[in-house]
Amino acid sequence: MSQLLNYAELDQAIQRRMSNQAPDSDVRLEAINDALNNIQTEYDIESVKREIVANMVLDGRPINLDNIASDIKNIADLRYLAPSKHDAEFTFRDDDEFVVHIGQGLKLDEYTVVYNDGVQYIKVNSSLGLKSKQLHGMTSLTNNGSWTADTANSDAKALSTTEVTVLEQSEAIRFDIDVSQSANDYALIYNADMASVDLSSYVNLGRVKFWIYLPSVTDFTSISLRWGSSSSAYWEDTVTAQANGSALIAGWNYVEFNWENATKTSTPDESAIDYLAIKLNYTGSFTDQTKVVIEKIEMFLPTPMKLVYNTYYLAKDADGTFQEEMDTDTDDKLLIPRRYKELIIAKALQILWPIAIGDDSVVEVAKARNKEKAELRKLGLDIGKKIKTPTKKIKLHSEL
């Protein structure tokens, strides 16, 4: 016998207990799904846990959990993939406290989970610090190679420096856009002779991040970054949103480029990266702009993490496809063990009796509620009650 329940077992039991007073099948199905959702919300059930490996830059910045997995309800555990530092214990912080620690430059083993515009993010700080390499400080046009605006093939012009706004450096590189200069619908600046950087250990893993100020995003489409050995041998990645997944805005944007997603042109040498180019792409309706600003460009090596989480999915079909709700397919299995059967039925009956007999349901609802309490006592520590916020601590394993 399977350890997991299916819809037919639950529905048949409900019909027997309600005799000929049971509502129709659609209503019964909705009640069963509601009961399952309530149980999944209240309790940390092992059978609804899933694991995934994710590469994360632990710099305290928001990481969109939807980009890791689309079904994360809450985080149960997060660990380094390597087991060499399994005793490191990370503490959950309120976001306000977490932000203060990051602002103070504290390197602590801590994390927070936040929502913004309905999107769930995790932010992780670490006492181990970050592995990164600066590609260019963007403080001067000539201190590390020469930055040039491609005025022949692109719309970039008036390359200069300006007082920095976001980072703690004296100046940043800026340029303007004249859309009639080339009419090619992009603006490109490049540096073809900067000091070479060895990125051999970052290949297909590295994440390039920097701040960029965009005067306007009306009819603006994307930002491309090229890094390589020359203007004919490079990797290129293009982004259409900020690093946290939010839309590009008129103003400051923090962007991230993923080497794994990059397209390679010719045969660049990853051990001697001395070419950089930033390309802004837009439609033919884009207008002239002044003061695009780009600050320090840095590549980070993410840390491979094992993320354990509770899923929103309640069931899976015969092919193993996960589903957010149960349906009437007899082959579908609930992601809840068989020992929860009576608890699910008791919760569903509390929903169904008022629908079936209205005000006369008081006694039957009370019976179902008492049955629920009895089942909870039977299960005891088998289902530790959970709050909706993340657990207070997460253990991480360091890869050293």
Protein backbone atom coordinates (compact mmCIF):
# COMPACT_ATOMS: atom_id res chain seq x y z
CA MET A 1 0.00 0.00 0.00
CA SER A 2 1.25 3.47 -0.90
CA GLN A 3 2.34 5.70 1.97
CA LEU A 4 0.55 8.61 0.26
CA LEU A 5 -3.20 9.20 -0.01
CA ASN A 6 -5.22 9.70 -3.18
CA TYR A 7 -8.37 11.70 -3.79
CA ALA A 8 -10.74 8.72 -4.05
CA GLU A 9 -9.91 7.45 -0.56
CA LEU A 10 -10.71 10.80 1.02
CA ASP A 11 -13.82 11.52 -1.05
CA GLN A 12 -15.37 8.10 -0.49
CA ALA A 13 -14.81 8.37 3.26
CA ILE A 14 -16.44 11.82 3.32
CA GLN A 15 -19.48 10.60 1.37
CA ARG A 16 -19.95 7.65 3.73
CA ARG A 17 -19.86 9.87 6.80
CA MET A 18 -22.25 12.44 5.33
CA SER A 19 -24.53 9.74 3.92
CA ASN A 20 -26.87 11.25 1.29
CA GLN A 21 -26.28 14.80 2.58
CA ALA A 22 -22.86 15.29 0.97
CA PRO A 23 -22.59 18.25 -1.44
CA ASP A 24 -21.63 17.62 -5.07
CA SER A 25 -18.18 16.44 -6.15
CA ASP A 26 -16.87 19.92 -7.02
CA VAL A 27 -17.70 21.23 -3.56
CA ARG A 28 -16.19 18.15 -1.90
CA LEU A 29 -13.00 18.55 -3.92
CA GLU A 30 -12.73 22.22 -2.95
CA ALA A 31 -13.20 21.34 0.72
CA ILE A 32 -10.51 18.66 0.57
CA ASN A 33 -8.08 21.12 -1.07
CA ASP A 34 -8.92 23.77 1.55
CA ALA A 35 -8.28 21.25 4.33
CA LEU A 36 -4.98 20.26 2.77
CA ASN A 37 -3.93 23.88 2.40
CA ASN A 38 -4.78 24.58 6.04
CA ILE A 39 -2.76 21.61 7.25
CA GLN A 40 0.17 22.49 5.03
CA THR A 41 0.09 26.08 6.27
CA GLU A 42 0.00 25.09 9.94
CA TYR A 43 2.41 22.18 10.02
CA ASP A 44 5.90 21.35 8.87
CA ILE A 45 5.28 18.06 7.05
CA GLU A 46 8.31 16.10 5.91
CA SER A 47 6.60 14.74 2.81
CA VAL A 48 6.11 18.23 1.36
CA LYS A 49 9.79 19.11 1.63
CA ARG A 50 11.88 19.42 -1.51
CA GLU A 51 15.58 20.01 -2.07
CA ILE A 52 17.34 22.01 -4.73
CA VAL A 53 20.93 23.11 -5.33
CA ALA A 54 21.33 26.83 -6.00
CA ASN A 55 24.38 29.02 -6.56
CA MET A 56 24.07 32.14 -4.39
CA VAL A 57 26.19 35.25 -3.92
CA LEU A 58 26.05 35.76 -0.15
CA ASP A 59 26.46 39.51 -0.19
CA GLY A 60 23.32 40.44 1.72
CA ARG A 61 21.45 41.53 -1.39
CA PRO A 62 17.97 40.17 -2.24
CA ILE A 63 17.84 36.88 -4.12
CA ASN A 64 14.51 36.22 -5.81
CA LEU A 65 13.37 32.81 -4.58
CA ASP A 66 11.13 32.42 -7.64
CA ASN A 67 14.31 32.26 -9.71
CA ILE A 68 15.42 29.28 -7.63
CA ALA A 69 12.09 27.43 -7.42
CA SER A 70 8.56 28.64 -8.11
CA ASP A 71 6.86 26.63 -5.35
CA ILE A 72 8.69 27.77 -2.19
CA LYS A 73 6.29 28.26 0.74
CA ASN A 74 9.01 28.72 3.35
CA ILE A 75 12.60 27.71 3.90
CA ALA A 76 13.26 24.69 6.10
CA ASP A 77 17.04 24.52 5.81
CA LEU A 78 19.89 26.05 3.83
CA ARG A 79 23.39 24.58 3.77
CA TYR A 80 26.59 24.81 1.84
CA LEU A 81 26.74 21.95 -0.62
CA ALA A 82 30.19 21.02 0.70
CA PRO A 83 30.03 19.44 4.18
CA SER A 84 33.27 20.89 5.56
CA LYS A 85 31.60 23.50 7.77
CA HIS A 86 28.34 21.86 8.75
CA ASP A 87 28.49 23.21 12.31
CA ALA A 88 28.06 26.86 11.22
CA GLU A 89 24.65 28.01 12.41
CA PHE A 90 22.94 30.94 10.73
CA THR A 91 20.56 33.11 12.71
CA PHE A 92 17.31 34.49 11.32
CA ARG A 93 17.06 38.29 11.68
CA ASP A 94 14.28 40.76 11.13
CA ASP A 95 15.03 42.61 7.93
CA ASP A 96 15.59 45.95 9.69
CA GLU A 97 18.30 44.45 11.89
CA PHE A 98 19.82 42.57 8.96
CA VAL A 99 20.08 45.75 6.87
CA VAL A 100 21.81 47.57 9.74
CA HIS A 101 24.42 44.81 10.00
CA ILE A 102 25.09 44.94 6.27
CA GLY A 103 25.36 48.72 6.39
CA GLN A 104 27.87 48.45 9.23
CA GLY A 105 29.94 46.00 7.20
CA LEU A 106 29.49 43.20 9.75
CA LYS A 107 30.26 39.69 8.52
CA LEU A 108 27.85 37.52 10.46
CA ASP A 109 26.23 34.16 9.86
CA GLU A 110 22.66 35.39 9.40
CA TYR A 111 19.81 35.59 6.92
CA THR A 112 16.41 37.13 6.44
CA VAL A 113 13.40 36.51 4.21
CA VAL A 114 11.38 39.45 2.91
CA TYR A 115 8.51 40.17 0.54
CA ASN A 116 8.44 43.05 -1.93
CA ASP A 117 5.55 43.58 -4.34
CA GLY A 118 4.37 40.04 -3.62
CA VAL A 119 7.76 38.47 -4.43
CA GLN A 120 9.66 36.46 -1.81
CA TYR A 121 13.40 37.14 -1.39
CA ILE A 122 16.14 35.67 0.77
CA LYS A 123 19.14 37.73 1.85
CA VAL A 124 22.18 36.02 3.35
CA ASN A 125 25.20 37.44 5.14
CA SER A 126 28.23 35.30 5.98
CA SER A 127 31.23 35.49 8.27
CA LEU A 128 33.28 33.84 5.51
CA GLY A 129 33.19 36.89 3.24
CA LEU A 130 32.95 36.91 -0.54
CA LYS A 131 35.17 35.68 -3.33
CA SER A 132 35.23 38.31 -6.05
CA LYS A 133 37.43 40.10 -8.56
CA GLN A 134 37.11 43.70 -9.64
CA LEU A 135 37.01 44.00 -13.41
CA HIS A 136 37.17 47.78 -13.38
CA GLY A 137 36.77 50.45 -10.74
CA MET A 138 35.10 52.86 -13.20
CA THR A 139 36.67 55.88 -11.46
CA SER A 140 38.67 57.18 -14.43
CA LEU A 141 38.66 57.07 -18.21
CA THR A 142 42.39 56.36 -18.36
CA ASN A 143 43.68 54.90 -15.05
CA ASN A 144 43.16 51.27 -16.09
CA GLY A 145 43.13 51.19 -19.86
CA SER A 146 41.10 53.70 -21.83
CA TRP A 147 37.34 53.87 -21.99
CA THR A 148 36.00 54.85 -25.41
CA ALA A 149 32.55 55.68 -26.71
CA ASP A 150 31.75 53.91 -29.98
CA THR A 151 30.62 56.98 -31.89
CA ALA A 152 30.88 55.31 -35.30
CA ASN A 153 28.50 52.39 -34.80
CA SER A 154 26.54 53.38 -31.72
CA ASP A 155 24.82 56.40 -30.17
CA ALA A 156 27.17 56.81 -27.17
CA LYS A 157 28.96 60.16 -26.88
CA ALA A 158 30.41 62.70 -24.42
CA LEU A 159 32.22 60.11 -22.32
CA SER A 160 33.49 61.61 -19.06
CA THR A 161 33.45 61.14 -15.29
CA THR A 162 31.06 62.43 -12.69
CA GLU A 163 30.79 62.48 -8.91
CA VAL A 164 29.69 59.11 -7.65
CA THR A 165 26.28 58.72 -5.97
CA VAL A 166 25.89 55.12 -4.82
CA LEU A 167 29.31 53.68 -4.02
CA GLU A 168 32.10 54.98 -1.83
CA GLN A 169 34.42 56.10 -4.62
CA SER A 170 35.34 59.53 -5.85
CA GLU A 171 34.08 59.37 -9.45
CA ALA A 172 32.16 57.20 -11.87
CA ILE A 173 32.08 57.00 -15.66
CA ARG A 174 29.23 58.70 -17.50
CA PHE A 175 28.13 59.26 -21.08
CA ASP A 176 25.26 60.64 -23.13
CA ILE A 177 23.12 59.13 -25.88
CA ASP A 178 22.35 60.81 -29.22
CA VAL A 179 19.89 58.50 -30.98
CA SER A 180 20.50 60.11 -34.39
CA GLN A 181 24.28 59.57 -34.22
CA SER A 182 24.20 56.07 -35.71
CA ALA A 183 20.48 55.17 -35.74
CA ASN A 184 21.50 51.62 -34.73
CA ASP A 185 19.34 51.66 -31.58
CA TYR A 186 22.14 51.05 -29.10
CA ALA A 187 24.86 52.90 -27.21
CA LEU A 188 28.19 51.19 -26.48
CA ILE A 189 31.30 52.09 -24.53
CA TYR A 190 34.34 49.83 -24.27
CA ASN A 191 37.79 49.38 -22.78
CA ALA A 192 40.12 47.26 -24.89
CA ASP A 193 43.40 47.60 -22.98
CA MET A 194 42.67 47.35 -19.27
CA ALA A 195 44.88 45.29 -16.94
CA SER A 196 44.11 41.62 -17.56
CA VAL A 197 42.16 39.67 -14.93
CA ASP A 198 42.37 35.90 -14.50
CA LEU A 199 38.82 34.56 -14.29
CA SER A 200 39.67 30.89 -14.85
CA SER A 201 37.94 29.81 -11.64
CA TYR A 202 34.82 31.82 -12.49
CA VAL A 203 34.00 30.28 -15.88
CA ASN A 204 30.27 29.45 -16.23
CA LEU A 205 29.80 30.37 -12.55
CA GLY A 206 30.67 34.05 -12.12
CA ARG A 207 28.12 36.81 -11.63
CA VAL A 208 29.05 40.33 -12.72
CA LYS A 209 27.31 43.09 -10.78
CA PHE A 210 27.31 46.87 -10.92
CA TRP A 211 25.17 49.96 -10.43
CA ILE A 212 23.97 51.86 -13.48
CA TYR A 213 21.97 55.07 -13.66
CA LEU A 214 19.45 55.18 -16.51
CA PRO A 215 17.90 58.60 -17.20
CA SER A 216 14.86 56.99 -18.83
CA VAL A 217 13.48 53.50 -19.47
CA THR A 218 10.72 54.52 -21.87
CA ASP A 219 11.38 52.45 -25.02
CA PHE A 220 14.53 51.09 -23.35
CA THR A 221 14.88 47.29 -23.71
CA SER A 222 18.03 45.82 -22.15
CA ILE A 223 21.64 46.08 -20.97
CA SER A 224 24.39 43.90 -22.40
CA LEU A 225 27.84 43.26 -20.94
CA ARG A 226 30.81 41.87 -22.83
CA TRP A 227 34.00 40.56 -21.23
CA GLY A 228 36.84 38.82 -23.01
CA SER A 229 40.18 39.13 -24.82
CA SER A 230 39.22 41.62 -27.53
CA SER A 231 36.33 43.16 -29.42
CA SER A 232 36.17 39.98 -31.50
CA ALA A 233 36.60 37.39 -28.71
CA TYR A 234 34.31 37.77 -25.72
CA TRP A 235 31.37 36.49 -23.68
CA GLU A 236 28.13 38.48 -23.67
CA ASP A 237 25.09 38.37 -21.41
CA THR A 238 22.01 40.58 -21.63
CA VAL A 239 19.55 41.49 -18.87
CA THR A 240 16.13 43.10 -19.03
CA ALA A 241 15.60 43.53 -15.27
CA GLN A 242 17.49 44.33 -12.09
CA ALA A 243 19.43 41.71 -10.16
CA ASN A 244 16.49 41.04 -7.84
CA GLY A 245 14.10 40.52 -10.75
CA SER A 246 12.35 43.88 -10.49
CA ALA A 247 11.89 46.05 -13.56
CA LEU A 248 14.52 48.52 -14.73
CA ILE A 249 13.66 52.04 -13.62
CA ALA A 250 14.57 55.61 -14.49
CA GLY A 251 17.25 56.07 -11.85
CA TRP A 252 19.70 53.73 -10.15
CA ASN A 253 19.58 50.04 -11.06
CA TYR A 254 21.66 47.21 -9.61
CA VAL A 255 22.18 44.66 -12.37
CA GLU A 256 23.65 41.17 -12.50
CA PHE A 257 25.07 39.21 -15.45
CA ASN A 258 25.39 35.43 -15.26
CA TRP A 259 28.33 33.76 -17.02
CA GLU A 260 26.29 30.57 -17.33
CA ASN A 261 23.80 32.41 -19.57
CA ALA A 262 26.43 34.18 -21.68
CA THR A 263 27.02 33.66 -25.40
CA LYS A 264 30.63 33.19 -26.49
CA THR A 265 32.06 34.85 -29.60
CA SER A 266 35.25 33.30 -31.02
CA THR A 267 37.76 31.94 -28.42
CA PRO A 268 38.35 34.42 -25.58
CA ASP A 269 40.98 33.60 -22.96
CA GLU A 270 39.38 33.40 -19.51
CA SER A 271 42.81 33.63 -17.86
CA ALA A 272 43.50 37.07 -19.36
CA ILE A 273 40.33 39.17 -19.50
CA ASP A 274 41.33 42.64 -20.69
CA TYR A 275 38.30 43.75 -22.69
CA LEU A 276 35.03 45.14 -21.34
CA ALA A 277 32.06 46.69 -23.12
CA ILE A 278 28.68 47.93 -21.90
CA LYS A 279 25.89 48.14 -24.46
CA LEU A 280 22.51 49.77 -23.88
CA ASN A 281 19.74 48.58 -26.19
CA TYR A 282 16.49 50.36 -27.06
CA THR A 283 13.82 50.74 -29.72
CA GLY A 284 13.68 53.28 -32.51
CA SER A 285 11.39 55.44 -30.36
CA PHE A 286 14.00 56.01 -27.64
CA THR A 287 15.04 59.65 -27.22
CA ASP A 288 18.31 61.46 -26.56
CA GLN A 289 19.58 61.04 -22.99
CA THR A 290 22.17 62.71 -20.80
CA LYS A 291 24.18 61.28 -17.96
CA VAL A 292 24.11 57.52 -18.05
CA VAL A 293 26.37 56.58 -15.12
CA ILE A 294 28.17 53.26 -14.50
CA GLU A 295 29.99 52.41 -11.28
CA LYS A 296 32.42 49.69 -10.14
CA ILE A 297 32.17 46.46 -12.14
CA GLU A 298 32.88 43.34 -10.09
CA MET A 299 32.59 39.59 -10.68
CA PHE A 300 31.51 37.37 -7.79
CA LEU A 301 31.94 33.64 -7.40
CA PRO A 302 28.65 32.27 -6.02
CA THR A 303 28.54 29.60 -3.35
CA PRO A 304 26.74 26.32 -4.15
CA MET A 305 23.99 25.86 -1.58
CA LYS A 306 21.53 23.09 -0.79
CA LEU A 307 18.15 24.66 -0.16
CA VAL A 308 15.48 22.62 1.62
CA TYR A 309 12.00 24.12 1.53
CA ASN A 310 8.34 23.38 2.08
CA THR A 311 6.48 23.41 -1.20
CA TYR A 312 3.12 24.91 -2.06
CA TYR A 313 2.35 21.82 -4.11
CA LEU A 314 -0.21 19.45 -2.60
CA ALA A 315 -0.15 16.54 -5.02
CA LYS A 316 1.59 14.88 -7.94
CA ASP A 317 0.17 12.93 -10.85
CA ALA A 318 1.15 9.52 -12.14
CA ASP A 319 3.92 11.07 -14.24
CA GLY A 320 5.45 12.76 -11.19
CA THR A 321 4.30 16.26 -12.14
CA PHE A 322 3.60 18.38 -9.07
CA GLN A 323 0.23 20.12 -8.70
CA GLU A 324 -0.86 23.02 -6.53
CA GLU A 325 -4.20 21.37 -5.83
CA MET A 326 -5.69 17.90 -5.84
CA ASP A 327 -7.97 16.85 -8.69
CA THR A 328 -10.24 13.86 -9.12
CA ASP A 329 -7.73 11.69 -10.99
CA THR A 330 -7.56 8.44 -9.03
CA ASP A 331 -3.85 8.04 -9.86
CA ASP A 332 -2.89 11.36 -8.29
CA LYS A 333 -1.18 11.18 -4.91
CA LEU A 334 -1.30 13.71 -2.09
CA LEU A 335 2.04 14.89 -0.76
CA ILE A 336 0.79 14.06 2.73
CA PRO A 337 1.23 10.69 4.47
CA ARG A 338 -1.63 8.23 4.93
CA ARG A 339 -1.57 8.74 8.71
CA TYR A 340 -3.05 12.23 8.12
CA LYS A 341 -6.22 10.80 6.53
CA GLU A 342 -8.55 11.26 9.49
CA LEU A 343 -7.21 14.76 10.18
CA ILE A 344 -7.89 15.82 6.58
CA ILE A 345 -11.39 14.35 6.66
CA ALA A 346 -12.20 16.08 9.97
CA LYS A 347 -11.09 19.45 8.59
CA ALA A 348 -13.01 18.94 5.35
CA LEU A 349 -16.20 17.98 7.22
CA GLN A 350 -16.07 21.24 9.18
CA ILE A 351 -16.30 23.01 5.81
CA LEU A 352 -18.87 20.69 4.21
CA TRP A 353 -21.50 20.30 6.94
CA PRO A 354 -22.54 24.01 6.99
CA ILE A 355 -22.80 23.92 3.20
CA ALA A 356 -24.95 20.78 3.33
CA ILE A 357 -27.39 21.54 6.14
CA GLY A 358 -26.82 25.17 7.15
CA ASP A 359 -27.64 26.13 10.74
CA ASP A 360 -28.42 22.51 11.61
CA SER A 361 -24.72 21.69 11.20
CA VAL A 362 -23.64 22.86 14.68
CA VAL A 363 -23.54 19.38 16.19
CA GLU A 364 -21.82 17.76 13.22
CA VAL A 365 -19.22 20.54 13.03
CA ALA A 366 -18.52 20.15 16.73
CA LYS A 367 -18.04 16.39 16.25
CA ALA A 368 -15.62 17.05 13.38
CA ARG A 369 -13.72 19.63 15.42
CA ASN A 370 -13.38 17.19 18.33
CA LYS A 371 -12.20 14.52 15.89
CA GLU A 372 -9.58 16.94 14.57
CA LYS A 373 -8.30 17.59 18.10
CA ALA A 374 -8.16 13.85 18.79
CA GLU A 375 -6.19 13.21 15.60
CA LEU A 376 -3.74 15.97 16.49
CA ARG A 377 -3.15 14.33 19.87
CA LYS A 378 -2.53 11.01 18.16
CA LEU A 379 -0.05 12.52 15.75
CA GLY A 380 1.65 14.39 18.60
CA LEU A 381 5.21 15.37 17.79
CA ASP A 382 4.85 13.78 14.35
CA ILE A 383 3.74 17.19 13.07
CA GLY A 384 5.39 20.03 14.92
CA LYS A 385 3.27 23.14 14.58
CA LYS A 386 4.88 25.83 12.44
CA ILE A 387 4.41 29.56 12.18
CA LYS A 388 4.26 31.14 8.74
CA THR A 389 7.53 33.03 9.12
CA PRO A 390 10.85 31.22 8.51
CA THR A 391 12.49 29.16 11.21
CA LYS A 392 14.75 31.13 13.48
CA LYS A 393 17.98 29.40 12.53
CA ILE A 394 19.48 27.84 9.45
CA LYS A 395 22.65 25.79 9.37
CA LEU A 396 25.14 26.43 6.59
CA HIS A 397 28.09 24.37 5.50
CA SER A 398 31.17 26.24 4.31
CA GLU A 399 33.13 25.19 1.28
CA LEU A 400 36.71 25.87 2.39
